[in-house]
N, C-alpha and C. Protein backbone atom coordinates (compact mmCIF):
# COMPACT_ATOMS: atom_id res chain seq x y z
N MET A 1 -75.26 4.78 0.46
CA MET A 1 -75.81 5.27 1.72
C MET A 1 -74.67 5.47 2.72
N TRP A 2 -74.79 6.55 3.48
CA TRP A 2 -73.73 6.86 4.44
C TRP A 2 -73.81 5.88 5.59
N LEU A 3 -72.67 5.20 5.89
CA LEU A 3 -72.66 4.15 6.90
C LEU A 3 -72.84 4.69 8.29
N GLY A 4 -72.50 5.94 8.46
CA GLY A 4 -72.64 6.53 9.79
C GLY A 4 -74.08 6.51 10.26
N GLY A 5 -75.02 6.53 9.32
CA GLY A 5 -76.42 6.51 9.69
C GLY A 5 -76.86 5.18 10.25
N LEU A 6 -76.10 4.14 10.01
CA LEU A 6 -76.47 2.82 10.50
C LEU A 6 -76.14 2.64 11.97
N TYR A 7 -75.26 3.48 12.54
CA TYR A 7 -74.85 3.36 13.94
C TYR A 7 -75.42 4.49 14.77
N SER A 8 -75.67 4.19 16.00
CA SER A 8 -76.06 5.26 16.92
C SER A 8 -74.81 6.09 17.23
N ARG A 9 -75.00 7.26 17.86
CA ARG A 9 -73.87 8.13 18.19
C ARG A 9 -72.90 7.42 19.13
N SER A 10 -73.42 6.69 20.12
CA SER A 10 -72.53 6.01 21.06
C SER A 10 -71.77 4.89 20.37
N GLU A 11 -72.40 4.20 19.43
CA GLU A 11 -71.70 3.14 18.71
C GLU A 11 -70.59 3.71 17.83
N ARG A 12 -70.90 4.89 17.20
CA ARG A 12 -69.86 5.52 16.37
C ARG A 12 -68.67 5.94 17.24
N GLY A 13 -68.93 6.44 18.46
CA GLY A 13 -67.87 6.83 19.38
C GLY A 13 -67.02 5.63 19.78
N THR A 14 -67.67 4.49 20.03
CA THR A 14 -66.95 3.27 20.41
C THR A 14 -66.09 2.78 19.26
N ALA A 15 -66.62 2.86 18.04
CA ALA A 15 -65.86 2.43 16.87
C ALA A 15 -64.65 3.33 16.67
N ALA A 16 -64.81 4.64 16.88
CA ALA A 16 -63.69 5.57 16.72
C ALA A 16 -62.62 5.31 17.76
N ARG A 17 -63.06 5.08 19.03
CA ARG A 17 -62.09 4.78 20.08
C ARG A 17 -61.35 3.49 19.77
N SER A 18 -62.05 2.52 19.23
CA SER A 18 -61.41 1.25 18.92
C SER A 18 -60.38 1.41 17.82
N ARG A 19 -60.70 2.27 16.81
CA ARG A 19 -59.71 2.51 15.76
C ARG A 19 -58.50 3.24 16.33
N THR A 20 -58.73 4.20 17.23
CA THR A 20 -57.64 4.94 17.85
C THR A 20 -56.78 4.02 18.70
N MET A 21 -57.41 3.14 19.46
CA MET A 21 -56.67 2.22 20.31
C MET A 21 -55.83 1.27 19.47
N ASN A 22 -56.29 0.92 18.28
CA ASN A 22 -55.52 0.04 17.41
C ASN A 22 -54.28 0.75 16.86
N ILE A 23 -54.33 2.05 16.73
CA ILE A 23 -53.20 2.81 16.19
C ILE A 23 -52.15 3.05 17.28
N ARG A 24 -52.58 3.37 18.48
CA ARG A 24 -51.64 3.73 19.55
C ARG A 24 -50.59 2.67 19.83
N PRO A 25 -50.95 1.40 19.98
CA PRO A 25 -49.90 0.42 20.25
C PRO A 25 -48.84 0.38 19.16
N ASN A 26 -49.23 0.55 17.90
CA ASN A 26 -48.25 0.54 16.80
C ASN A 26 -47.30 1.73 16.93
N ALA A 27 -47.82 2.89 17.26
CA ALA A 27 -46.97 4.07 17.44
C ALA A 27 -46.04 3.87 18.64
N TRP A 28 -46.56 3.27 19.71
CA TRP A 28 -45.75 3.01 20.90
C TRP A 28 -44.61 2.04 20.58
N HIS A 29 -44.90 1.00 19.78
CA HIS A 29 -43.86 0.05 19.37
C HIS A 29 -42.79 0.73 18.52
N ALA A 30 -43.20 1.62 17.65
CA ALA A 30 -42.24 2.34 16.79
C ALA A 30 -41.32 3.21 17.65
N ARG A 31 -41.91 3.92 18.63
CA ARG A 31 -41.09 4.76 19.51
C ARG A 31 -40.12 3.91 20.33
N LEU A 32 -40.59 2.79 20.81
CA LEU A 32 -39.74 1.89 21.59
C LEU A 32 -38.58 1.37 20.74
N LEU A 33 -38.88 1.00 19.51
CA LEU A 33 -37.84 0.50 18.60
C LEU A 33 -36.79 1.58 18.32
N ILE A 34 -37.23 2.80 18.09
CA ILE A 34 -36.30 3.91 17.84
C ILE A 34 -35.43 4.16 19.07
N ALA A 35 -36.05 4.14 20.26
CA ALA A 35 -35.29 4.35 21.49
C ALA A 35 -34.25 3.26 21.70
N LEU A 36 -34.62 2.01 21.41
CA LEU A 36 -33.67 0.90 21.54
C LEU A 36 -32.50 1.03 20.57
N VAL A 37 -32.78 1.41 19.34
CA VAL A 37 -31.72 1.56 18.33
C VAL A 37 -30.78 2.69 18.73
N VAL A 38 -31.33 3.83 19.16
CA VAL A 38 -30.50 4.96 19.59
C VAL A 38 -29.66 4.56 20.80
N GLY A 39 -30.27 3.86 21.76
CA GLY A 39 -29.54 3.40 22.94
C GLY A 39 -28.40 2.47 22.59
N LEU A 40 -28.63 1.57 21.63
CA LEU A 40 -27.59 0.64 21.20
C LEU A 40 -26.43 1.37 20.54
N VAL A 41 -26.74 2.35 19.71
CA VAL A 41 -25.68 3.13 19.05
C VAL A 41 -24.84 3.88 20.08
N VAL A 42 -25.50 4.49 21.07
CA VAL A 42 -24.79 5.22 22.13
C VAL A 42 -23.92 4.25 22.93
N LEU A 43 -24.46 3.08 23.26
CA LEU A 43 -23.70 2.08 24.01
C LEU A 43 -22.45 1.63 23.26
N LEU A 44 -22.59 1.38 21.96
CA LEU A 44 -21.43 0.98 21.15
C LEU A 44 -20.38 2.09 21.11
N ALA A 45 -20.82 3.33 21.00
CA ALA A 45 -19.88 4.46 20.98
C ALA A 45 -19.13 4.55 22.30
N VAL A 46 -19.83 4.35 23.42
CA VAL A 46 -19.19 4.40 24.75
C VAL A 46 -18.18 3.27 24.88
N ILE A 47 -18.53 2.07 24.41
CA ILE A 47 -17.61 0.93 24.49
C ILE A 47 -16.33 1.21 23.70
N VAL A 48 -16.48 1.77 22.50
CA VAL A 48 -15.29 2.10 21.68
C VAL A 48 -14.42 3.12 22.38
N LEU A 49 -15.04 4.17 22.93
CA LEU A 49 -14.28 5.21 23.62
C LEU A 49 -13.59 4.68 24.87
N LEU A 50 -14.28 3.83 25.63
CA LEU A 50 -13.66 3.24 26.82
C LEU A 50 -12.51 2.32 26.44
N GLY A 51 -12.67 1.58 25.35
CA GLY A 51 -11.60 0.71 24.87
C GLY A 51 -10.36 1.50 24.55
N ARG A 52 -10.54 2.65 23.90
CA ARG A 52 -9.38 3.50 23.58
C ARG A 52 -8.77 4.09 24.83
N ALA A 53 -9.64 4.51 25.76
CA ALA A 53 -9.13 5.14 26.98
C ALA A 53 -8.36 4.17 27.86
N PHE A 54 -8.75 2.91 27.88
CA PHE A 54 -8.11 1.95 28.77
C PHE A 54 -7.13 1.04 28.05
N GLY A 55 -6.63 1.49 26.87
CA GLY A 55 -5.50 0.79 26.28
C GLY A 55 -5.82 -0.41 25.45
N GLU A 56 -7.02 -0.52 24.98
CA GLU A 56 -7.28 -1.64 24.08
C GLU A 56 -6.42 -1.46 22.83
N ASN A 57 -6.03 -2.56 22.28
CA ASN A 57 -5.13 -2.47 21.14
C ASN A 57 -5.81 -1.89 19.92
N GLU A 58 -5.03 -1.22 19.12
CA GLU A 58 -5.49 -0.72 17.85
C GLU A 58 -5.11 -1.73 16.79
N VAL A 59 -5.96 -1.87 15.80
CA VAL A 59 -5.65 -2.80 14.73
C VAL A 59 -4.86 -2.05 13.66
N HIS A 60 -3.68 -2.51 13.40
CA HIS A 60 -2.82 -1.90 12.40
C HIS A 60 -2.28 -2.97 11.48
N GLU A 61 -2.00 -2.56 10.27
CA GLU A 61 -1.34 -3.48 9.35
C GLU A 61 0.11 -3.65 9.82
N ALA A 62 0.58 -4.89 9.83
CA ALA A 62 1.96 -5.15 10.26
C ALA A 62 2.93 -4.41 9.33
N LYS A 63 3.96 -3.80 9.92
CA LYS A 63 4.95 -3.09 9.11
C LYS A 63 6.32 -3.25 9.76
N PRO A 64 7.37 -3.11 8.99
CA PRO A 64 8.72 -3.28 9.54
C PRO A 64 9.01 -2.27 10.65
N ALA A 65 9.68 -2.73 11.69
CA ALA A 65 10.09 -1.82 12.76
C ALA A 65 11.18 -0.89 12.23
N PRO A 66 11.25 0.34 12.72
CA PRO A 66 12.32 1.24 12.28
C PRO A 66 13.68 0.71 12.70
N SER A 67 14.62 0.81 11.81
CA SER A 67 15.96 0.27 12.07
C SER A 67 16.74 1.26 12.93
N PHE A 68 16.42 1.27 14.24
CA PHE A 68 17.01 2.25 15.14
C PHE A 68 18.40 1.83 15.60
N ALA A 69 19.15 2.83 16.01
CA ALA A 69 20.47 2.63 16.63
C ALA A 69 20.76 3.90 17.43
N PHE A 70 20.97 3.75 18.73
CA PHE A 70 21.28 4.93 19.54
C PHE A 70 22.31 4.60 20.60
N LYS A 71 23.10 5.60 20.94
CA LYS A 71 24.19 5.42 21.90
C LYS A 71 23.66 5.47 23.33
N ILE A 72 24.21 4.60 24.16
CA ILE A 72 23.78 4.55 25.56
C ILE A 72 24.94 4.84 26.50
N GLY A 73 26.03 5.31 25.96
CA GLY A 73 27.19 5.66 26.79
C GLY A 73 28.23 4.57 26.81
N HIS A 74 29.46 4.95 27.21
CA HIS A 74 30.61 4.05 27.27
C HIS A 74 30.87 3.37 25.92
N GLY A 75 30.57 4.11 24.84
CA GLY A 75 30.82 3.58 23.50
C GLY A 75 29.87 2.48 23.06
N ARG A 76 28.81 2.23 23.84
CA ARG A 76 27.85 1.17 23.49
C ARG A 76 26.68 1.73 22.70
N THR A 77 26.16 0.91 21.80
CA THR A 77 25.02 1.30 20.97
C THR A 77 23.96 0.21 21.03
N ILE A 78 22.71 0.62 21.12
CA ILE A 78 21.58 -0.32 21.07
C ILE A 78 21.01 -0.24 19.66
N LYS A 79 20.85 -1.41 19.01
CA LYS A 79 20.33 -1.46 17.64
C LYS A 79 19.17 -2.44 17.58
N LEU A 80 18.29 -2.23 16.62
CA LEU A 80 17.19 -3.16 16.40
C LEU A 80 17.73 -4.57 16.14
N ALA A 81 18.83 -4.66 15.41
CA ALA A 81 19.41 -5.96 15.05
C ALA A 81 19.81 -6.77 16.29
N ASP A 82 20.03 -6.10 17.43
CA ASP A 82 20.40 -6.81 18.67
C ASP A 82 19.27 -7.72 19.17
N PHE A 83 18.06 -7.48 18.69
CA PHE A 83 16.89 -8.20 19.22
C PHE A 83 16.30 -9.19 18.21
N LYS A 84 17.08 -9.55 17.21
CA LYS A 84 16.58 -10.48 16.20
C LYS A 84 16.28 -11.84 16.83
N ASN A 85 15.27 -12.51 16.30
CA ASN A 85 14.84 -13.85 16.74
C ASN A 85 14.25 -13.90 18.15
N LYS A 86 13.74 -12.77 18.62
CA LYS A 86 13.01 -12.78 19.89
C LYS A 86 11.91 -11.73 19.83
N ALA A 87 10.94 -11.85 20.72
CA ALA A 87 9.91 -10.83 20.83
C ALA A 87 10.51 -9.61 21.51
N LEU A 88 10.17 -8.43 21.01
CA LEU A 88 10.66 -7.19 21.59
C LEU A 88 9.48 -6.25 21.84
N ILE A 89 9.42 -5.72 23.03
CA ILE A 89 8.43 -4.69 23.36
C ILE A 89 9.17 -3.39 23.59
N VAL A 90 8.88 -2.40 22.78
CA VAL A 90 9.45 -1.06 22.95
C VAL A 90 8.37 -0.19 23.59
N CYS A 91 8.67 0.33 24.77
CA CYS A 91 7.67 1.11 25.52
C CYS A 91 8.17 2.54 25.73
N PHE A 92 7.43 3.50 25.18
CA PHE A 92 7.70 4.91 25.42
C PHE A 92 6.93 5.32 26.67
N LEU A 93 7.62 5.94 27.62
CA LEU A 93 7.02 6.22 28.93
C LEU A 93 7.66 7.46 29.54
N ALA A 94 7.24 7.76 30.75
CA ALA A 94 7.88 8.84 31.53
C ALA A 94 7.88 8.41 32.98
N THR A 95 8.97 8.64 33.68
CA THR A 95 9.08 8.17 35.06
C THR A 95 8.13 8.91 35.99
N TRP A 96 7.71 10.13 35.62
CA TRP A 96 6.82 10.93 36.47
C TRP A 96 5.35 10.65 36.20
N ASP A 97 5.04 9.81 35.22
CA ASP A 97 3.67 9.57 34.78
C ASP A 97 3.11 8.32 35.45
N LYS A 98 1.96 8.44 36.14
CA LYS A 98 1.39 7.30 36.88
C LYS A 98 1.03 6.12 35.97
N PRO A 99 0.33 6.34 34.83
CA PRO A 99 0.06 5.19 33.95
C PRO A 99 1.35 4.53 33.45
N SER A 100 2.38 5.32 33.18
CA SER A 100 3.66 4.75 32.75
C SER A 100 4.26 3.89 33.84
N ASN A 101 4.15 4.34 35.09
CA ASN A 101 4.67 3.57 36.21
C ASN A 101 3.93 2.24 36.34
N LYS A 102 2.63 2.28 36.14
CA LYS A 102 1.85 1.04 36.19
C LYS A 102 2.30 0.10 35.07
N GLN A 103 2.51 0.67 33.87
CA GLN A 103 2.92 -0.16 32.74
C GLN A 103 4.30 -0.76 32.97
N MET A 104 5.19 -0.02 33.60
CA MET A 104 6.52 -0.55 33.89
C MET A 104 6.43 -1.79 34.78
N GLY A 105 5.55 -1.74 35.77
CA GLY A 105 5.35 -2.89 36.64
C GLY A 105 4.77 -4.08 35.89
N ILE A 106 3.83 -3.83 34.99
CA ILE A 106 3.23 -4.89 34.18
C ILE A 106 4.29 -5.56 33.31
N LEU A 107 5.15 -4.76 32.70
CA LEU A 107 6.21 -5.31 31.85
C LEU A 107 7.20 -6.13 32.69
N ASN A 108 7.46 -5.67 33.91
CA ASN A 108 8.34 -6.42 34.80
C ASN A 108 7.75 -7.80 35.10
N ASP A 109 6.44 -7.84 35.38
CA ASP A 109 5.76 -9.11 35.65
C ASP A 109 5.80 -10.02 34.43
N LEU A 110 5.63 -9.43 33.24
CA LEU A 110 5.66 -10.22 32.01
C LEU A 110 7.02 -10.86 31.80
N LEU A 111 8.07 -10.12 32.11
CA LEU A 111 9.43 -10.65 31.93
C LEU A 111 9.72 -11.83 32.86
N LYS A 112 9.03 -11.90 33.99
CA LYS A 112 9.23 -13.02 34.92
C LYS A 112 8.77 -14.34 34.30
N GLN A 113 7.85 -14.25 33.32
CA GLN A 113 7.30 -15.46 32.69
C GLN A 113 8.18 -15.99 31.56
N TYR A 114 9.07 -15.13 31.05
CA TYR A 114 9.85 -15.50 29.87
C TYR A 114 11.34 -15.32 30.12
N SER A 115 12.13 -16.16 29.49
CA SER A 115 13.58 -15.99 29.58
C SER A 115 14.02 -14.89 28.62
N GLU A 116 15.24 -14.42 28.81
CA GLU A 116 15.76 -13.36 27.96
C GLU A 116 15.91 -13.80 26.51
N THR A 117 15.94 -15.11 26.28
CA THR A 117 16.06 -15.58 24.90
C THR A 117 14.76 -15.45 24.13
N ASN A 118 13.63 -15.34 24.85
CA ASN A 118 12.32 -15.26 24.18
C ASN A 118 11.73 -13.86 24.13
N LEU A 119 12.10 -13.02 25.09
CA LEU A 119 11.48 -11.70 25.19
C LEU A 119 12.47 -10.66 25.66
N ALA A 120 12.43 -9.50 25.04
CA ALA A 120 13.22 -8.35 25.49
C ALA A 120 12.28 -7.15 25.59
N VAL A 121 12.54 -6.32 26.57
CA VAL A 121 11.77 -5.08 26.74
C VAL A 121 12.75 -3.92 26.74
N LEU A 122 12.38 -2.88 26.05
CA LEU A 122 13.20 -1.68 25.97
C LEU A 122 12.34 -0.50 26.38
N GLY A 123 12.68 0.13 27.51
CA GLY A 123 11.96 1.31 27.96
C GLY A 123 12.65 2.56 27.46
N LEU A 124 11.85 3.47 26.92
CA LEU A 124 12.39 4.74 26.40
C LEU A 124 11.65 5.89 27.07
N ALA A 125 12.37 6.60 27.95
CA ALA A 125 11.77 7.64 28.77
C ALA A 125 11.79 8.99 28.06
N LEU A 126 10.69 9.72 28.20
CA LEU A 126 10.57 11.06 27.62
C LEU A 126 10.89 12.13 28.66
N ASP A 127 11.56 11.76 29.73
CA ASP A 127 11.90 12.69 30.81
C ASP A 127 12.88 13.75 30.34
N GLN A 128 12.74 14.92 30.92
CA GLN A 128 13.71 16.00 30.69
C GLN A 128 14.76 15.93 31.79
N THR A 129 15.63 14.96 31.67
CA THR A 129 16.61 14.72 32.73
C THR A 129 17.86 14.08 32.12
N THR A 130 18.71 13.49 32.95
CA THR A 130 19.95 12.89 32.45
C THR A 130 19.78 11.38 32.31
N PRO A 131 20.59 10.75 31.47
CA PRO A 131 20.54 9.30 31.34
C PRO A 131 20.79 8.59 32.68
N GLU A 132 21.67 9.17 33.50
CA GLU A 132 22.00 8.55 34.79
C GLU A 132 20.78 8.52 35.72
N SER A 133 20.01 9.60 35.73
CA SER A 133 18.85 9.64 36.64
C SER A 133 17.77 8.64 36.19
N VAL A 134 17.63 8.45 34.90
CA VAL A 134 16.67 7.45 34.39
C VAL A 134 17.14 6.05 34.76
N ARG A 135 18.44 5.81 34.60
CA ARG A 135 19.01 4.50 34.97
C ARG A 135 18.84 4.24 36.47
N ASP A 136 19.09 5.26 37.27
CA ASP A 136 18.93 5.12 38.73
C ASP A 136 17.48 4.82 39.09
N TYR A 137 16.55 5.48 38.40
CA TYR A 137 15.13 5.24 38.67
C TYR A 137 14.76 3.78 38.37
N ALA A 138 15.25 3.26 37.24
CA ALA A 138 14.98 1.87 36.86
C ALA A 138 15.53 0.90 37.91
N GLU A 139 16.69 1.22 38.45
CA GLU A 139 17.29 0.37 39.49
C GLU A 139 16.48 0.43 40.78
N GLN A 140 16.01 1.62 41.15
CA GLN A 140 15.21 1.77 42.37
C GLN A 140 13.89 0.99 42.27
N GLN A 141 13.35 0.92 41.05
CA GLN A 141 12.09 0.20 40.83
C GLN A 141 12.30 -1.30 40.60
N HIS A 142 13.57 -1.73 40.62
CA HIS A 142 13.93 -3.14 40.40
C HIS A 142 13.41 -3.66 39.06
N LEU A 143 13.53 -2.83 38.04
CA LEU A 143 13.08 -3.24 36.70
C LEU A 143 14.06 -4.24 36.11
N LYS A 144 13.53 -5.24 35.45
CA LYS A 144 14.36 -6.30 34.86
C LYS A 144 14.75 -5.96 33.41
N TYR A 145 14.48 -4.76 33.00
CA TYR A 145 14.81 -4.33 31.63
C TYR A 145 15.39 -2.92 31.68
N PRO A 146 16.15 -2.55 30.67
CA PRO A 146 16.78 -1.22 30.69
C PRO A 146 15.80 -0.11 30.30
N VAL A 147 16.03 1.05 30.85
CA VAL A 147 15.27 2.24 30.48
C VAL A 147 16.28 3.31 30.09
N TYR A 148 16.13 3.82 28.87
CA TYR A 148 17.03 4.85 28.36
C TYR A 148 16.22 6.09 28.01
N LEU A 149 16.91 7.20 27.85
CA LEU A 149 16.23 8.41 27.38
C LEU A 149 15.91 8.25 25.89
N ALA A 150 14.68 8.56 25.54
CA ALA A 150 14.29 8.50 24.13
C ALA A 150 14.85 9.72 23.41
N ASP A 151 15.26 9.52 22.18
CA ASP A 151 15.69 10.68 21.39
C ASP A 151 14.67 10.95 20.29
N TYR A 152 14.77 12.11 19.70
CA TYR A 152 13.80 12.57 18.71
C TYR A 152 13.71 11.60 17.54
N ASP A 153 14.87 11.14 17.05
CA ASP A 153 14.87 10.24 15.89
C ASP A 153 14.15 8.94 16.19
N MET A 154 14.31 8.45 17.39
CA MET A 154 13.63 7.21 17.79
C MET A 154 12.11 7.40 17.80
N ILE A 155 11.67 8.52 18.36
CA ILE A 155 10.23 8.81 18.42
C ILE A 155 9.67 8.92 17.01
N GLN A 156 10.35 9.66 16.15
CA GLN A 156 9.86 9.84 14.78
C GLN A 156 9.92 8.54 13.99
N GLY A 157 10.92 7.72 14.27
CA GLY A 157 11.03 6.44 13.58
C GLY A 157 9.83 5.55 13.81
N PHE A 158 9.22 5.67 15.00
CA PHE A 158 8.03 4.89 15.32
C PHE A 158 6.74 5.62 14.95
N GLY A 159 6.87 6.72 14.23
CA GLY A 159 5.68 7.42 13.74
C GLY A 159 5.14 8.49 14.66
N GLY A 160 5.92 8.87 15.67
CA GLY A 160 5.45 9.90 16.60
C GLY A 160 4.56 9.32 17.68
N LEU A 161 4.28 10.12 18.70
CA LEU A 161 3.48 9.67 19.83
C LEU A 161 2.33 10.64 20.08
N THR A 162 1.20 10.08 20.50
CA THR A 162 0.05 10.92 20.88
C THR A 162 -0.23 10.83 22.38
N ALA A 163 0.34 9.80 23.04
CA ALA A 163 0.11 9.61 24.48
C ALA A 163 1.18 8.69 25.03
N ILE A 164 1.28 8.67 26.36
CA ILE A 164 2.16 7.71 27.04
C ILE A 164 1.36 7.01 28.12
N PRO A 165 1.67 5.75 28.40
CA PRO A 165 2.64 4.92 27.68
C PRO A 165 2.12 4.49 26.31
N THR A 166 3.04 4.32 25.38
CA THR A 166 2.74 3.74 24.07
C THR A 166 3.74 2.63 23.84
N MET A 167 3.22 1.46 23.43
CA MET A 167 4.08 0.29 23.24
C MET A 167 3.95 -0.26 21.83
N PHE A 168 5.07 -0.78 21.37
CA PHE A 168 5.12 -1.47 20.08
C PHE A 168 5.63 -2.88 20.32
N VAL A 169 4.88 -3.86 19.83
CA VAL A 169 5.29 -5.26 19.95
C VAL A 169 5.88 -5.67 18.61
N ILE A 170 7.12 -6.15 18.67
CA ILE A 170 7.89 -6.47 17.45
C ILE A 170 8.20 -7.96 17.46
N ASP A 171 7.95 -8.63 16.34
CA ASP A 171 8.14 -10.09 16.29
C ASP A 171 9.57 -10.46 15.91
N LYS A 172 9.82 -11.77 15.73
CA LYS A 172 11.17 -12.27 15.43
C LYS A 172 11.70 -11.77 14.10
N ASN A 173 10.78 -11.43 13.19
CA ASN A 173 11.19 -10.89 11.89
C ASN A 173 11.34 -9.38 11.91
N GLN A 174 11.26 -8.82 13.11
CA GLN A 174 11.40 -7.38 13.33
C GLN A 174 10.34 -6.57 12.59
N THR A 175 9.12 -7.10 12.74
CA THR A 175 7.92 -6.45 12.20
C THR A 175 7.05 -6.02 13.38
N ILE A 176 6.52 -4.82 13.32
CA ILE A 176 5.60 -4.36 14.36
C ILE A 176 4.25 -5.05 14.14
N ILE A 177 3.84 -5.85 15.13
CA ILE A 177 2.57 -6.57 14.98
C ILE A 177 1.45 -5.94 15.81
N GLN A 178 1.79 -5.15 16.81
CA GLN A 178 0.78 -4.48 17.63
C GLN A 178 1.31 -3.14 18.13
N LYS A 179 0.37 -2.22 18.28
CA LYS A 179 0.66 -0.94 18.91
C LYS A 179 -0.40 -0.73 19.99
N TYR A 180 0.04 -0.45 21.21
CA TYR A 180 -0.88 -0.23 22.31
C TYR A 180 -0.68 1.17 22.87
N ILE A 181 -1.78 1.88 23.04
CA ILE A 181 -1.74 3.22 23.64
C ILE A 181 -2.46 3.14 24.97
N GLY A 182 -1.78 3.57 26.02
CA GLY A 182 -2.36 3.47 27.35
C GLY A 182 -1.89 2.20 28.05
N VAL A 183 -2.32 2.03 29.28
CA VAL A 183 -1.90 0.88 30.07
C VAL A 183 -2.48 -0.40 29.47
N THR A 184 -1.61 -1.38 29.24
CA THR A 184 -2.01 -2.66 28.64
C THR A 184 -1.62 -3.76 29.61
N GLU A 185 -2.58 -4.62 29.92
CA GLU A 185 -2.38 -5.63 30.96
C GLU A 185 -1.52 -6.80 30.49
N THR A 186 -1.01 -7.55 31.46
CA THR A 186 -0.12 -8.68 31.20
C THR A 186 -0.74 -9.72 30.29
N ASN A 187 -2.02 -10.05 30.53
CA ASN A 187 -2.65 -11.11 29.74
C ASN A 187 -2.74 -10.76 28.26
N VAL A 188 -2.91 -9.48 27.95
CA VAL A 188 -2.98 -9.05 26.54
C VAL A 188 -1.61 -9.22 25.88
N LEU A 189 -0.57 -8.76 26.56
CA LEU A 189 0.79 -8.85 26.02
C LEU A 189 1.26 -10.31 25.95
N ASP A 190 0.80 -11.12 26.90
CA ASP A 190 1.16 -12.53 26.94
C ASP A 190 0.70 -13.25 25.67
N VAL A 191 -0.48 -12.90 25.18
CA VAL A 191 -0.99 -13.49 23.94
C VAL A 191 -0.06 -13.17 22.77
N ASP A 192 0.40 -11.92 22.71
CA ASP A 192 1.31 -11.51 21.63
C ASP A 192 2.63 -12.27 21.70
N VAL A 193 3.21 -12.36 22.91
CA VAL A 193 4.51 -13.01 23.06
C VAL A 193 4.41 -14.50 22.71
N LYS A 194 3.32 -15.13 23.12
CA LYS A 194 3.13 -16.55 22.79
C LYS A 194 2.98 -16.76 21.29
N ALA A 195 2.29 -15.85 20.63
CA ALA A 195 2.13 -15.94 19.18
C ALA A 195 3.48 -15.79 18.49
N ILE A 196 4.31 -14.88 18.98
CA ILE A 196 5.64 -14.68 18.40
C ILE A 196 6.51 -15.91 18.62
N ALA A 197 6.38 -16.54 19.79
CA ALA A 197 7.19 -17.73 20.12
C ALA A 197 6.92 -18.87 19.14
N LYS A 198 5.72 -18.90 18.55
CA LYS A 198 5.36 -19.97 17.61
C LYS A 198 5.89 -19.72 16.20
N GLN A 199 6.44 -18.57 15.96
CA GLN A 199 6.93 -18.24 14.61
C GLN A 199 8.09 -19.14 14.21
């Protein structure tokens, strides 16, 4: 026997509405769940992009630093071997670049915390100018570390550059342990230098 005959028309309408009402909340929950998942994915993507934009470190496998050697005038040469048994930060920058200028100040502050026996910083400028003008700029800014003109071989030895400032943190064994693109704050670099000091 057809069950519909057992109910009046109004009762059948109430039963249908009740079945519909039972379905709607489930559909609403499904839509809410999808919206939350999509929102979370977008949020994670934004966090990753902001991290890259503001200089969060990239995770790289440690590799030997390039065995560089370049002339700085008056018959003097700067070599990787000169920095053995200390932390070394090599920073590629430009004197006309605002983020580079900020990074130079951060490196200056970092050097105040460490003696020359524990940390060395080497600035390599990509300026289209003379070595003397770069040296004069470093003196005007009261930098506690030298800044030299970068040469092509030096840039290629570090694997090329995609942005400035770009920094390489090198440990006592002359291995690159970190690469930072963009402005990197003192507290981040401080962790690296302290880790190297424990080697």
